[in-house]
Structure formats: structure tokens, C-alpha cells
N, C-alpha and C. Protein backbone atom coordinates (compact mmCIF):
# COMPACT_ATOMS: atom_id res chain seq x y z
N UNK A 1 97.98 110.66 88.68
CA UNK A 1 98.36 109.65 88.81
C UNK A 1 99.81 109.75 88.16
N UNK A 2 100.94 109.86 89.08
CA UNK A 2 101.94 109.33 88.47
C UNK A 2 103.12 108.32 87.67
N UNK A 3 104.23 109.19 86.66
CA UNK A 3 105.05 107.60 86.60
C UNK A 3 104.78 106.74 87.01
N UNK A 4 105.08 105.40 85.96
CA UNK A 4 105.66 103.88 87.26
C UNK A 4 107.26 104.47 86.95
N UNK A 5 107.65 103.54 88.98
CA UNK A 5 108.78 103.32 88.37
C UNK A 5 109.13 102.40 88.75
N UNK A 6 110.27 102.00 88.28
CA UNK A 6 111.10 100.91 88.10
C UNK A 6 111.60 100.46 90.29
N UNK A 7 111.54 99.40 90.82
CA UNK A 7 111.93 99.25 92.32
C UNK A 7 112.66 97.74 92.11
N UNK A 8 112.74 97.65 91.52
CA UNK A 8 113.93 96.12 91.38
C UNK A 8 113.16 95.49 89.76
N UNK A 9 114.71 94.99 89.29
CA UNK A 9 114.60 93.91 88.33
C UNK A 9 115.08 92.21 88.51
N UNK A 10 114.35 92.27 88.55
CA UNK A 10 113.90 90.70 88.89
C UNK A 10 114.70 89.89 88.29
N UNK A 11 114.28 89.81 86.80
CA UNK A 11 114.73 88.64 85.89
C UNK A 11 115.43 89.66 84.94
N UNK A 12 116.88 89.08 84.06
CA UNK A 12 117.30 89.28 82.64
C UNK A 12 117.33 88.78 81.47
N UNK A 13 116.96 88.76 80.62
CA UNK A 13 117.01 87.75 79.22
C UNK A 13 118.27 87.42 78.92
N UNK A 14 118.03 86.40 78.84
CA UNK A 14 119.06 85.19 78.77
C UNK A 14 119.85 85.70 77.05
N UNK A 15 119.35 85.80 76.34
CA UNK A 15 119.92 86.78 75.08
C UNK A 15 119.78 88.16 74.61
N UNK A 16 119.06 88.62 75.15
CA UNK A 16 118.50 90.00 74.72
C UNK A 16 118.82 90.48 75.91
N UNK A 17 119.51 91.72 76.14
CA UNK A 17 120.08 92.55 77.08
C UNK A 17 119.32 93.22 77.83
N UNK A 18 118.89 93.47 76.42
CA UNK A 18 117.59 95.31 76.45
C UNK A 18 116.44 94.66 76.71
N UNK A 19 115.81 93.69 77.48
CA UNK A 19 114.47 93.10 78.40
C UNK A 19 114.80 92.41 78.97
N UNK A 20 114.20 92.50 80.50
CA UNK A 20 113.68 92.43 81.68
C UNK A 20 112.56 91.93 82.33
N UNK A 21 112.81 91.53 83.11
CA UNK A 21 111.47 91.33 84.44
C UNK A 21 111.46 92.76 85.51
N UNK A 22 110.38 93.47 85.28
CA UNK A 22 110.48 94.14 86.98
C UNK A 22 109.30 93.89 87.11
N UNK A 23 109.69 94.67 88.59
CA UNK A 23 108.49 95.45 89.74
C UNK A 23 108.81 96.87 89.80
N UNK A 24 107.69 97.26 89.74
CA UNK A 24 107.30 98.33 89.34
C UNK A 24 106.02 98.79 90.70
N UNK A 25 106.08 100.55 90.82
CA UNK A 25 105.23 100.74 91.51
C UNK A 25 105.00 102.31 91.02
N UNK A 26 103.85 102.36 91.52
CA UNK A 26 103.00 103.88 90.73
C UNK A 26 102.60 105.29 92.33
N UNK A 27 103.13 106.23 92.23
CA UNK A 27 102.77 106.48 93.90
C UNK A 27 101.35 107.55 93.08
N UNK A 28 100.35 107.29 94.38
CA UNK A 28 98.72 108.01 93.66
C UNK A 28 98.33 108.59 95.15
N UNK A 29 99.38 109.42 95.83
CA UNK A 29 99.17 110.42 96.54
C UNK A 29 98.65 109.71 98.36
N UNK A 30 97.52 110.15 98.62
CA UNK A 30 97.38 110.02 99.72
C UNK A 30 96.90 108.34 99.66
N UNK A 31 96.22 108.04 98.58
CA UNK A 31 95.59 106.67 98.33
C UNK A 31 96.72 105.44 98.06
N UNK A 32 98.41 105.47 98.96
CA UNK A 32 99.48 105.04 98.53
C UNK A 32 99.74 104.92 97.36
N UNK A 33 100.15 103.42 96.75
CA UNK A 33 100.68 102.46 95.87
C UNK A 33 100.14 101.91 95.11
N UNK A 34 100.57 101.88 93.59
CA UNK A 34 99.86 100.78 92.76
C UNK A 34 101.38 100.18 91.93
N UNK A 35 101.12 99.03 92.19
CA UNK A 35 102.13 98.09 92.16
C UNK A 35 101.73 96.80 90.81
N UNK A 36 103.15 96.68 89.94
CA UNK A 36 102.69 95.68 88.46
C UNK A 36 104.23 95.04 88.51
N UNK A 37 103.90 93.72 88.11
CA UNK A 37 105.11 93.36 87.13
C UNK A 37 104.60 93.28 85.99
N UNK A 38 106.21 93.42 85.18
CA UNK A 38 106.59 93.77 84.03
C UNK A 38 106.95 93.36 83.12
N UNK A 39 107.44 93.21 81.73
CA UNK A 39 108.03 92.32 80.92
C UNK A 39 108.28 93.93 80.10
N UNK A 40 109.89 94.40 79.93
CA UNK A 40 110.53 96.13 79.79
C UNK A 40 110.86 95.64 78.34
N UNK A 41 110.65 95.93 77.50
CA UNK A 41 111.57 96.07 76.06
C UNK A 41 111.80 97.64 76.09
N UNK A 42 113.61 97.79 75.72
CA UNK A 42 113.74 98.94 76.01
C UNK A 42 114.17 99.05 74.60
N UNK A 43 113.82 100.34 73.92
CA UNK A 43 114.03 100.63 72.56
C UNK A 43 115.14 101.37 72.41
N UNK A 44 115.22 102.64 73.44
CA UNK A 44 115.93 103.65 73.42
C UNK A 44 116.42 103.69 75.54
N UNK A 45 117.34 104.53 75.76
CA UNK A 45 117.13 104.80 77.34
C UNK A 45 116.08 105.12 77.79
N UNK A 46 115.53 106.29 76.55
CA UNK A 46 114.21 107.23 77.23
C UNK A 46 112.69 106.59 76.63
N UNK A 47 112.75 105.18 75.64
CA UNK A 47 111.15 104.86 75.18
C UNK A 47 111.70 103.04 75.67
N UNK A 48 110.32 102.60 75.99
CA UNK A 48 110.46 101.20 76.53
C UNK A 48 109.05 100.87 75.92
N UNK A 49 108.74 99.60 75.93
CA UNK A 49 107.77 99.14 75.80
C UNK A 49 107.31 98.09 76.72
N UNK A 50 106.15 98.01 78.01
CA UNK A 50 105.46 97.47 78.79
C UNK A 50 104.89 96.51 78.60
N UNK A 51 105.09 95.25 78.84
CA UNK A 51 103.37 94.40 79.12
C UNK A 51 103.39 93.50 80.46
N UNK A 52 101.87 93.65 80.51
CA UNK A 52 101.59 92.65 81.89
C UNK A 52 102.56 91.62 81.51
N UNK A 53 103.60 90.63 82.89
CA UNK A 53 103.83 89.03 83.11
C UNK A 53 103.48 88.91 84.44
N UNK A 54 103.21 87.31 84.05
CA UNK A 54 103.24 87.07 85.33
C UNK A 54 104.12 85.70 85.75
N UNK A 55 104.76 86.02 86.57
CA UNK A 55 105.59 85.29 87.12
C UNK A 55 105.48 83.93 87.68
N UNK A 56 104.40 83.25 87.88
CA UNK A 56 103.88 82.19 87.87
C UNK A 56 103.99 81.59 86.59
N UNK A 57 104.33 81.88 85.96
CA UNK A 57 103.55 81.26 84.49
C UNK A 57 105.57 80.23 83.93
N UNK A 58 105.78 79.36 83.24
CA UNK A 58 106.67 78.86 82.96
C UNK A 58 106.60 78.96 81.42
N UNK A 59 108.30 79.48 81.53
CA UNK A 59 108.49 80.31 79.70
C UNK A 59 109.59 79.62 79.12
N UNK A 60 110.03 79.13 77.92
CA UNK A 60 110.96 78.56 77.48
C UNK A 60 112.31 79.14 76.86
N UNK A 61 111.96 80.75 77.42
CA UNK A 61 112.97 81.42 77.52
C UNK A 61 113.68 81.74 78.82
N UNK A 62 115.56 81.69 77.64
CA UNK A 62 116.03 81.73 79.14
C UNK A 62 116.03 83.30 80.05
N UNK A 63 115.91 83.23 81.51
CA UNK A 63 115.76 84.26 82.20
C UNK A 63 116.64 83.93 83.33
N UNK A 64 117.18 85.10 83.81
CA UNK A 64 118.23 84.73 85.14
C UNK A 64 117.88 85.83 85.87
N UNK A 65 117.68 84.90 87.00
CA UNK A 65 117.51 86.35 88.37
C UNK A 65 118.57 86.56 89.18
N UNK A 66 118.31 88.04 88.57
CA UNK A 66 119.57 88.87 88.91
C UNK A 66 118.69 89.88 90.41
N UNK A 67 117.53 90.16 90.62
CA UNK A 67 117.31 90.70 91.52
C UNK A 67 117.42 91.98 92.31
N UNK A 68 118.42 92.60 91.41
CA UNK A 68 118.47 94.14 90.88
C UNK A 68 117.57 94.83 91.58
N UNK A 69 118.05 95.83 93.04
CA UNK A 69 117.48 96.68 94.37
C UNK A 69 117.56 98.39 93.00
N UNK A 70 116.26 98.95 92.67
CA UNK A 70 117.01 99.81 92.00
C UNK A 70 116.14 101.40 92.56
N UNK A 71 115.09 101.35 93.12
CA UNK A 71 114.42 102.24 94.47
C UNK A 71 114.02 103.48 94.00
N UNK A 72 113.65 103.57 92.84
CA UNK A 72 112.87 104.95 91.66
C UNK A 72 113.04 105.78 92.34
N UNK A 73 111.70 105.19 93.51
CA UNK A 73 111.32 106.31 93.75
C UNK A 73 111.80 106.64 95.14
N UNK A 74 112.45 106.35 96.20
CA UNK A 74 113.94 106.51 96.55
C UNK A 74 112.59 106.48 98.62
N UNK A 75 112.00 104.98 98.43
CA UNK A 75 111.42 105.11 99.65
C UNK A 75 112.36 104.26 100.38
N UNK A 76 112.35 104.52 101.57
CA UNK A 76 112.98 103.91 102.91
C UNK A 76 112.34 103.12 103.84
N UNK A 77 113.23 101.84 103.33
CA UNK A 77 112.34 100.70 104.01
C UNK A 77 112.72 100.46 105.78
N UNK A 78 111.66 99.85 106.36
CA UNK A 78 112.77 99.64 107.87
C UNK A 78 113.88 99.47 108.27
């Protein structure tokens, strides 16, 4: 299995610019792709901490929806 790649940055934290909620995919070869939604805290551009995130839970932290398409896997959509 390969590394996880960000496909979409869904939310950005209102106070901490280094925190985002991202939709990520992992290429598992012939079996397709694994998918997850995680809260990412960037320590440096090369080091980050991720934790699973449930988008259905309400949170008191101000998150701003940005829906920025990143497509690190380079998937071509029809």
C-alpha cells in the first residue's frame, strides 16, 4: 500500500491556519482506493499529525468550508 494523498481540503480552521479537514485517498493497486476524512495538523510542510474526523459531529471550533480541490493522485474524472 502507498501513502495517503489529499484529494480535497474540505475545511480550514478559523483561528489556526495550520489545521485543516481533508478528504484523502490511498491507492491499493488492483483493489482500487481506500478513503478517509481526517483532521490534519501541519507541524512543518513535511511533518503532519492526522486523526480520524467525523463530519457529522458538531464542533464549537470555527471551521470554514473551502472545498479546495488538490487531487494529489492525479485522478481524471469524467
